[in-house]
Amino acid sequence: MPLTYRVAHQQEINNILRTWPFPLYFSKPVMNHMVHFLDGVMTRGFSGTLTDIHRESCHSQDRRTLSHFLTHGKWNEQHLMRI
């Protein structure tokens, strides 16, 4: 498994996510994708594209990995709203 580049503010995002019950429901790779996704979305100049998210989040893997996470992941929106 490739090493993931993580900067200080990504560690802060990770710490915040761990205070919620997300780690009980999601695996470590999914949590890692969530950190990079949130980091990219919160970046100044974000225009709503996956390319922006990938570029700004310093994600070490190919952009298609994040795309696969979003399009092929099993999402239960009602469950997420209850968390």
PDB file of N, CA and C in Angstrom:
ATOM      1  N   MET A   1       0.849  -1.170   0.000  1.00  0.00           N
ATOM      2  CA  MET A   1       0.000   0.000   0.000  1.00  0.00           C
ATOM      3  C   MET A   1       0.896   1.235   0.000  1.00  0.00           C
ATOM      4  N   PRO A   2       0.603   2.197  -0.873  1.00  0.00           N
ATOM      5  CA  PRO A   2       1.437   3.393  -0.931  1.00  0.00           C
ATOM      6  C   PRO A   2       1.269   4.249   0.320  1.00  0.00           C
ATOM      7  N   LEU A   3       2.338   4.941   0.658  1.00  0.00           N
ATOM      8  CA  LEU A   3       2.265   5.853   1.796  1.00  0.00           C
ATOM      9  C   LEU A   3       1.394   7.041   1.438  1.00  0.00           C
ATOM     10  N   THR A   4       0.663   7.518   2.382  1.00  0.00           N
ATOM     11  CA  THR A   4      -0.213   8.661   2.163  1.00  0.00           C
ATOM     12  C   THR A   4       0.437   9.900   2.745  1.00  0.00           C
ATOM     13  N   TYR A   5       0.515  10.937   1.929  1.00  0.00           N
ATOM     14  CA  TYR A   5       1.059  12.209   2.376  1.00  0.00           C
ATOM     15  C   TYR A   5      -0.019  12.915   3.179  1.00  0.00           C
ATOM     16  N   ARG A   6       0.297  13.288   4.402  1.00  0.00           N
ATOM     17  CA  ARG A   6      -0.689  13.956   5.244  1.00  0.00           C
ATOM     18  C   ARG A   6      -0.053  15.186   5.866  1.00  0.00           C
ATOM     19  N   VAL A   7      -0.694  16.318   5.677  1.00  0.00           N
ATOM     20  CA  VAL A   7      -0.197  17.559   6.256  1.00  0.00           C
ATOM     21  C   VAL A   7      -0.931  17.825   7.562  1.00  0.00           C
ATOM     22  N   ALA A   8      -0.474  18.824   8.309  1.00  0.00           N
ATOM     23  CA  ALA A   8      -0.993  19.075   9.656  1.00  0.00           C
ATOM     24  C   ALA A   8      -2.502  19.289   9.679  1.00  0.00           C
ATOM     25  N   HIS A   9      -3.032  20.075   8.741  1.00  0.00           N
ATOM     26  CA  HIS A   9      -4.476  20.332   8.788  1.00  0.00           C
ATOM     27  C   HIS A   9      -5.276  19.078   8.431  1.00  0.00           C
ATOM     28  N   GLN A  10      -4.684  18.146   7.672  1.00  0.00           N
ATOM     29  CA  GLN A  10      -5.376  16.886   7.408  1.00  0.00           C
ATOM     30  C   GLN A  10      -5.442  16.046   8.681  1.00  0.00           C
ATOM     31  N   GLN A  11      -4.422  16.142   9.513  1.00  0.00           N
ATOM     32  CA  GLN A  11      -4.461  15.437  10.792  1.00  0.00           C
ATOM     33  C   GLN A  11      -5.554  16.028  11.677  1.00  0.00           C
ATOM     34  N   GLU A  12      -5.742  17.341  11.616  1.00  0.00           N
ATOM     35  CA  GLU A  12      -6.824  17.972  12.375  1.00  0.00           C
ATOM     36  C   GLU A  12      -8.184  17.477  11.896  1.00  0.00           C
ATOM     37  N   ILE A  13      -8.361  17.377  10.579  1.00  0.00           N
ATOM     38  CA  ILE A  13      -9.619  16.855  10.025  1.00  0.00           C
ATOM     39  C   ILE A  13      -9.826  15.427  10.505  1.00  0.00           C
ATOM     40  N   ASN A  14      -8.774  14.630  10.462  1.00  0.00           N
ATOM     41  CA  ASN A  14      -8.853  13.242  10.907  1.00  0.00           C
ATOM     42  C   ASN A  14      -9.255  13.165  12.381  1.00  0.00           C
ATOM     43  N   ASN A  15      -8.663  14.018  13.210  1.00  0.00           N
ATOM     44  CA  ASN A  15      -8.992  14.029  14.638  1.00  0.00           C
ATOM     45  C   ASN A  15     -10.450  14.409  14.870  1.00  0.00           C
ATOM     46  N   ILE A  16     -10.958  15.371  14.108  1.00  0.00           N
ATOM     47  CA  ILE A  16     -12.361  15.771  14.239  1.00  0.00           C
ATOM     48  C   ILE A  16     -13.278  14.625  13.838  1.00  0.00           C
ATOM     49  N   LEU A  17     -12.971  13.962  12.722  1.00  0.00           N
ATOM     50  CA  LEU A  17     -13.803  12.836  12.277  1.00  0.00           C
ATOM     51  C   LEU A  17     -13.801  11.703  13.298  1.00  0.00           C
ATOM     52  N   ARG A  18     -12.698  11.528  13.991  1.00  0.00           N
ATOM     53  CA  ARG A  18     -12.617  10.447  14.980  1.00  0.00           C
ATOM     54  C   ARG A  18     -13.446  10.747  16.233  1.00  0.00           C
ATOM     55  N   THR A  19     -13.788  12.019  16.475  1.00  0.00           N
ATOM     56  CA  THR A  19     -14.632  12.331  17.627  1.00  0.00           C
ATOM     57  C   THR A  19     -16.089  11.972  17.360  1.00  0.00           C
ATOM     58  N   TRP A  20     -16.450  11.843  16.092  1.00  0.00           N
ATOM     59  CA  TRP A  20     -17.785  11.395  15.710  1.00  0.00           C
ATOM     60  C   TRP A  20     -17.755   9.878  15.574  1.00  0.00           C
ATOM     61  N   PRO A  21     -18.894   9.233  15.471  1.00  0.00           N
ATOM     62  CA  PRO A  21     -18.887   7.765  15.401  1.00  0.00           C
ATOM     63  C   PRO A  21     -18.500   7.185  14.037  1.00  0.00           C
ATOM     64  N   PHE A  22     -17.954   7.987  13.126  1.00  0.00           N
ATOM     65  CA  PHE A  22     -17.577   7.474  11.804  1.00  0.00           C
ATOM     66  C   PHE A  22     -16.653   6.264  11.859  1.00  0.00           C
ATOM     67  N   PRO A  23     -15.600   6.250  12.716  1.00  0.00           N
ATOM     68  CA  PRO A  23     -14.693   5.098  12.717  1.00  0.00           C
ATOM     69  C   PRO A  23     -15.378   3.781  13.068  1.00  0.00           C
ATOM     70  N   LEU A  24     -16.525   3.845  13.699  1.00  0.00           N
ATOM     71  CA  LEU A  24     -17.259   2.616  14.005  1.00  0.00           C
ATOM     72  C   LEU A  24     -17.884   2.007  12.757  1.00  0.00           C
ATOM     73  N   TYR A  25     -18.158   2.826  11.759  1.00  0.00           N
ATOM     74  CA  TYR A  25     -18.880   2.379  10.573  1.00  0.00           C
ATOM     75  C   TYR A  25     -18.014   2.275   9.327  1.00  0.00           C
ATOM     76  N   PHE A  26     -16.906   2.996   9.282  1.00  0.00           N
ATOM     77  CA  PHE A  26     -16.098   3.054   8.070  1.00  0.00           C
ATOM     78  C   PHE A  26     -14.686   2.538   8.328  1.00  0.00           C
ATOM     79  N   SER A  27     -14.108   1.905   7.315  1.00  0.00           N
ATOM     80  CA  SER A  27     -12.752   1.365   7.421  1.00  0.00           C
ATOM     81  C   SER A  27     -11.722   2.500   7.377  1.00  0.00           C
ATOM     82  N   LYS A  28     -10.483   2.178   7.697  1.00  0.00           N
ATOM     83  CA  LYS A  28      -9.412   3.180   7.659  1.00  0.00           C
ATOM     84  C   LYS A  28      -9.208   3.751   6.256  1.00  0.00           C
ATOM     85  N   PRO A  29      -9.232   2.920   5.184  1.00  0.00           N
ATOM     86  CA  PRO A  29      -9.100   3.507   3.847  1.00  0.00           C
ATOM     87  C   PRO A  29     -10.228   4.485   3.516  1.00  0.00           C
ATOM     88  N   VAL A  30     -11.444   4.174   3.935  1.00  0.00           N
ATOM     89  CA  VAL A  30     -12.572   5.078   3.681  1.00  0.00           C
ATOM     90  C   VAL A  30     -12.386   6.369   4.469  1.00  0.00           C
ATOM     91  N   MET A  31     -11.953   6.258   5.710  1.00  0.00           N
ATOM     92  CA  MET A  31     -11.704   7.458   6.514  1.00  0.00           C
ATOM     93  C   MET A  31     -10.613   8.315   5.871  1.00  0.00           C
ATOM     94  N   ASN A  32      -9.592   7.674   5.311  1.00  0.00           N
ATOM     95  CA  ASN A  32      -8.519   8.399   4.641  1.00  0.00           C
ATOM     96  C   ASN A  32      -9.056   9.153   3.425  1.00  0.00           C
ATOM     97  N   HIS A  33      -9.912   8.506   2.643  1.00  0.00           N
ATOM     98  CA  HIS A  33     -10.525   9.178   1.491  1.00  0.00           C
ATOM     99  C   HIS A  33     -11.367  10.366   1.954  1.00  0.00           C
ATOM    100  N   MET A  34     -12.100  10.190   3.056  1.00  0.00           N
ATOM    101  CA  MET A  34     -12.933  11.279   3.561  1.00  0.00           C
ATOM    102  C   MET A  34     -12.079  12.480   3.967  1.00  0.00           C
ATOM    103  N   VAL A  35     -10.941  12.225   4.604  1.00  0.00           N
ATOM    104  CA  VAL A  35     -10.045  13.313   5.011  1.00  0.00           C
ATOM    105  C   VAL A  35      -9.561  14.079   3.789  1.00  0.00           C
ATOM    106  N   HIS A  36      -9.100  13.355   2.764  1.00  0.00           N
ATOM    107  CA  HIS A  36      -8.597  14.020   1.561  1.00  0.00           C
ATOM    108  C   HIS A  36      -9.718  14.746   0.817  1.00  0.00           C
ATOM    109  N   PHE A  37     -10.900  14.159   0.786  1.00  0.00           N
ATOM    110  CA  PHE A  37     -12.035  14.801   0.128  1.00  0.00           C
ATOM    111  C   PHE A  37     -12.389  16.106   0.832  1.00  0.00           C
ATOM    112  N   LEU A  38     -12.523  16.064   2.152  1.00  0.00           N
ATOM    113  CA  LEU A  38     -12.868  17.273   2.912  1.00  0.00           C
ATOM    114  C   LEU A  38     -11.779  18.332   2.795  1.00  0.00           C
ATOM    115  N   ASP A  39     -10.531  17.908   2.808  1.00  0.00           N
ATOM    116  CA  ASP A  39      -9.422  18.850   2.656  1.00  0.00           C
ATOM    117  C   ASP A  39      -9.505  19.560   1.312  1.00  0.00           C
ATOM    118  N   GLY A  40      -9.750  18.817   0.252  1.00  0.00           N
ATOM    119  CA  GLY A  40      -9.844  19.416  -1.079  1.00  0.00           C
ATOM    120  C   GLY A  40     -11.028  20.348  -1.227  1.00  0.00           C
ATOM    121  N   VAL A  41     -12.165  19.980  -0.631  1.00  0.00           N
ATOM    122  CA  VAL A  41     -13.380  20.801  -0.731  1.00  0.00           C
ATOM    123  C   VAL A  41     -13.224  22.113   0.033  1.00  0.00           C
ATOM    124  N   MET A  42     -12.508  22.089   1.144  1.00  0.00           N
ATOM    125  CA  MET A  42     -12.376  23.291   1.975  1.00  0.00           C
ATOM    126  C   MET A  42     -11.265  24.226   1.513  1.00  0.00           C
ATOM    127  N   THR A  43     -10.576  23.873   0.453  1.00  0.00           N
ATOM    128  CA  THR A  43      -9.477  24.686  -0.042  1.00  0.00           C
ATOM    129  C   THR A  43      -9.986  25.920  -0.772  1.00  0.00           C
ATOM    130  N   ARG A  44      -9.319  27.029  -0.558  1.00  0.00           N
ATOM    131  CA  ARG A  44      -9.684  28.265  -1.252  1.00  0.00           C
ATOM    132  C   ARG A  44      -9.507  28.060  -2.754  1.00  0.00           C
ATOM    133  N   GLY A  45     -10.451  28.513  -3.536  1.00  0.00           N
ATOM    134  CA  GLY A  45     -10.383  28.375  -4.980  1.00  0.00           C
ATOM    135  C   GLY A  45     -11.035  27.111  -5.496  1.00  0.00           C
ATOM    136  N   PHE A  46     -11.666  26.332  -4.619  1.00  0.00           N
ATOM    137  CA  PHE A  46     -12.331  25.098  -5.031  1.00  0.00           C
ATOM    138  C   PHE A  46     -13.486  25.430  -5.963  1.00  0.00           C
ATOM    139  N   SER A  47     -13.513  24.793  -7.134  1.00  0.00           N
ATOM    140  CA  SER A  47     -14.551  25.101  -8.123  1.00  0.00           C
ATOM    141  C   SER A  47     -15.573  23.986  -8.293  1.00  0.00           C
ATOM    142  N   GLY A  48     -15.496  22.952  -7.475  1.00  0.00           N
ATOM    143  CA  GLY A  48     -16.490  21.893  -7.529  1.00  0.00           C
ATOM    144  C   GLY A  48     -16.103  20.691  -8.363  1.00  0.00           C
ATOM    145  N   THR A  49     -14.856  20.601  -8.781  1.00  0.00           N
ATOM    146  CA  THR A  49     -14.451  19.462  -9.600  1.00  0.00           C
ATOM    147  C   THR A  49     -13.608  18.481  -8.790  1.00  0.00           C
ATOM    148  N   LEU A  50     -13.663  17.234  -9.206  1.00  0.00           N
ATOM    149  CA  LEU A  50     -12.867  16.201  -8.568  1.00  0.00           C
ATOM    150  C   LEU A  50     -11.376  16.453  -8.767  1.00  0.00           C
ATOM    151  N   THR A  51     -11.027  17.040  -9.896  1.00  0.00           N
ATOM    152  CA  THR A  51      -9.624  17.378 -10.157  1.00  0.00           C
ATOM    153  C   THR A  51      -9.118  18.374  -9.118  1.00  0.00           C
ATOM    154  N   ASP A  52      -9.935  19.373  -8.767  1.00  0.00           N
ATOM    155  CA  ASP A  52      -9.559  20.336  -7.722  1.00  0.00           C
ATOM    156  C   ASP A  52      -9.362  19.636  -6.381  1.00  0.00           C
ATOM    157  N   ILE A  53     -10.289  18.756  -6.040  1.00  0.00           N
ATOM    158  CA  ILE A  53     -10.188  18.044  -4.767  1.00  0.00           C
ATOM    159  C   ILE A  53      -8.887  17.258  -4.719  1.00  0.00           C
ATOM    160  N   HIS A  54      -8.603  16.542  -5.790  1.00  0.00           N
ATOM    161  CA  HIS A  54      -7.390  15.720  -5.821  1.00  0.00           C
ATOM    162  C   HIS A  54      -6.129  16.576  -5.751  1.00  0.00           C
ATOM    163  N   ARG A  55      -6.078  17.632  -6.525  1.00  0.00           N
ATOM    164  CA  ARG A  55      -4.888  18.487  -6.577  1.00  0.00           C
ATOM    165  C   ARG A  55      -4.633  19.174  -5.232  1.00  0.00           C
ATOM    166  N   GLU A  56      -5.671  19.737  -4.641  1.00  0.00           N
ATOM    167  CA  GLU A  56      -5.497  20.537  -3.428  1.00  0.00           C
ATOM    168  C   GLU A  56      -5.327  19.705  -2.165  1.00  0.00           C
ATOM    169  N   SER A  57      -5.717  18.438  -2.198  1.00  0.00           N
ATOM    170  CA  SER A  57      -5.644  17.626  -0.987  1.00  0.00           C
ATOM    171  C   SER A  57      -4.327  16.876  -0.846  1.00  0.00           C
ATOM    172  N   CYS A  58      -3.427  17.017  -1.822  1.00  0.00           N
ATOM    173  CA  CYS A  58      -2.131  16.313  -1.786  1.00  0.00           C
ATOM    174  C   CYS A  58      -2.330  14.806  -1.695  1.00  0.00           C
ATOM    175  N   HIS A  59      -3.358  14.301  -2.342  1.00  0.00           N
ATOM    176  CA  HIS A  59      -3.649  12.869  -2.336  1.00  0.00           C
ATOM    177  C   HIS A  59      -2.583  12.159  -3.151  1.00  0.00           C
ATOM    178  N   SER A  60      -1.972  11.133  -2.571  1.00  0.00           N
ATOM    179  CA  SER A  60      -0.839  10.475  -3.221  1.00  0.00           C
ATOM    180  C   SER A  60      -1.253   9.506  -4.325  1.00  0.00           C
ATOM    181  N   GLN A  61      -2.515   9.119  -4.360  1.00  0.00           N
ATOM    182  CA  GLN A  61      -2.966   8.155  -5.355  1.00  0.00           C
ATOM    183  C   GLN A  61      -3.580   8.865  -6.552  1.00  0.00           C
ATOM    184  N   ASP A  62      -3.871   8.084  -7.578  1.00  0.00           N
ATOM    185  CA  ASP A  62      -4.456   8.613  -8.800  1.00  0.00           C
ATOM    186  C   ASP A  62      -5.844   9.202  -8.525  1.00  0.00           C
ATOM    187  N   ARG A  63      -6.218  10.203  -9.293  1.00  0.00           N
ATOM    188  CA  ARG A  63      -7.524  10.856  -9.136  1.00  0.00           C
ATOM    189  C   ARG A  63      -8.670   9.859  -9.280  1.00  0.00           C
ATOM    190  N   ARG A  64      -8.484   8.834 -10.098  1.00  0.00           N
ATOM    191  CA  ARG A  64      -9.550   7.846 -10.315  1.00  0.00           C
ATOM    192  C   ARG A  64      -9.883   7.073  -9.049  1.00  0.00           C
ATOM    193  N   THR A  65      -8.926   6.965  -8.120  1.00  0.00           N
ATOM    194  CA  THR A  65      -9.196   6.292  -6.850  1.00  0.00           C
ATOM    195  C   THR A  65     -10.265   7.045  -6.076  1.00  0.00           C
ATOM    196  N   LEU A  66     -10.156   8.356  -6.025  1.00  0.00           N
ATOM    197  CA  LEU A  66     -11.156   9.177  -5.347  1.00  0.00           C
ATOM    198  C   LEU A  66     -12.480   9.134  -6.093  1.00  0.00           C
ATOM    199  N   SER A  67     -12.428   9.117  -7.409  1.00  0.00           N
ATOM    200  CA  SER A  67     -13.640   9.015  -8.219  1.00  0.00           C
ATOM    201  C   SER A  67     -14.355   7.697  -7.950  1.00  0.00           C
ATOM    202  N   HIS A  68     -13.601   6.618  -7.869  1.00  0.00           N
ATOM    203  CA  HIS A  68     -14.196   5.308  -7.592  1.00  0.00           C
ATOM    204  C   HIS A  68     -14.834   5.297  -6.206  1.00  0.00           C
ATOM    205  N   PHE A  69     -14.171   5.915  -5.241  1.00  0.00           N
ATOM    206  CA  PHE A  69     -14.702   6.008  -3.881  1.00  0.00           C
ATOM    207  C   PHE A  69     -16.072   6.687  -3.870  1.00  0.00           C
ATOM    208  N   LEU A  70     -16.222   7.758  -4.644  1.00  0.00           N
ATOM    209  CA  LEU A  70     -17.480   8.508  -4.656  1.00  0.00           C
ATOM    210  C   LEU A  70     -18.568   7.829  -5.477  1.00  0.00           C
ATOM    211  N   THR A  71     -18.208   7.242  -6.608  1.00  0.00           N
ATOM    212  CA  THR A  71     -19.231   6.700  -7.504  1.00  0.00           C
ATOM    213  C   THR A  71     -19.621   5.266  -7.194  1.00  0.00           C
ATOM    214  N   HIS A  72     -18.710   4.474  -6.657  1.00  0.00           N
ATOM    215  CA  HIS A  72     -19.012   3.063  -6.433  1.00  0.00           C
ATOM    216  C   HIS A  72     -19.162   2.703  -4.960  1.00  0.00           C
ATOM    217  N   GLY A  73     -18.973   3.676  -4.092  1.00  0.00           N
ATOM    218  CA  GLY A  73     -19.145   3.408  -2.671  1.00  0.00           C
ATOM    219  C   GLY A  73     -20.609   3.179  -2.341  1.00  0.00           C
ATOM    220  N   LYS A  74     -20.844   2.384  -1.319  1.00  0.00           N
ATOM    221  CA  LYS A  74     -22.221   2.133  -0.884  1.00  0.00           C
ATOM    222  C   LYS A  74     -22.584   3.206   0.139  1.00  0.00           C
ATOM    223  N   TRP A  75     -23.522   4.059  -0.227  1.00  0.00           N
ATOM    224  CA  TRP A  75     -23.904   5.185   0.611  1.00  0.00           C
ATOM    225  C   TRP A  75     -25.328   5.005   1.096  1.00  0.00           C
ATOM    226  N   ASN A  76     -25.529   5.158   2.372  1.00  0.00           N
ATOM    227  CA  ASN A  76     -26.852   5.143   2.968  1.00  0.00           C
ATOM    228  C   ASN A  76     -27.058   6.535   3.565  1.00  0.00           C
ATOM    229  N   GLU A  77     -27.698   7.397   2.793  1.00  0.00           N
ATOM    230  CA  GLU A  77     -27.826   8.798   3.200  1.00  0.00           C
ATOM    231  C   GLU A  77     -28.608   8.966   4.497  1.00  0.00           C
ATOM    232  N   GLN A  78     -29.644   8.164   4.691  1.00  0.00           N
ATOM    233  CA  GLN A  78     -30.423   8.270   5.925  1.00  0.00           C
ATOM    234  C   GLN A  78     -29.553   7.935   7.138  1.00  0.00           C
ATOM    235  N   HIS A  79     -28.712   6.932   6.990  1.00  0.00           N
ATOM    236  CA  HIS A  79     -27.828   6.551   8.090  1.00  0.00           C
ATOM    237  C   HIS A  79     -26.815   7.661   8.384  1.00  0.00           C
ATOM    238  N   LEU A  80     -26.262   8.259   7.340  1.00  0.00           N
ATOM    239  CA  LEU A  80     -25.302   9.347   7.541  1.00  0.00           C
ATOM    240  C   LEU A  80     -25.953  10.548   8.212  1.00  0.00           C
ATOM    241  N   MET A  81     -27.203  10.819   7.886  1.00  0.00           N
ATOM    242  CA  MET A  81     -27.897  11.956   8.494  1.00  0.00           C
ATOM    243  C   MET A  81     -28.150  11.716   9.981  1.00  0.00           C
ATOM    244  N   ARG A  82     -28.272  10.456  10.394  1.00  0.00           N
ATOM    245  CA  ARG A  82     -28.505  10.145  11.806  1.00  0.00           C
ATOM    246  C   ARG A  82     -27.232  10.218  12.630  1.00  0.00           C
ATOM    247  N   ILE A  83     -26.072  10.098  11.982  1.00  0.00           N
ATOM    248  CA  ILE A  83     -24.804  10.072  12.730  1.00  0.00           C
ATOM    249  C   ILE A  83     -24.534  11.419  13.307  1.00  0.00           C
TER     250      ILE A  83
END
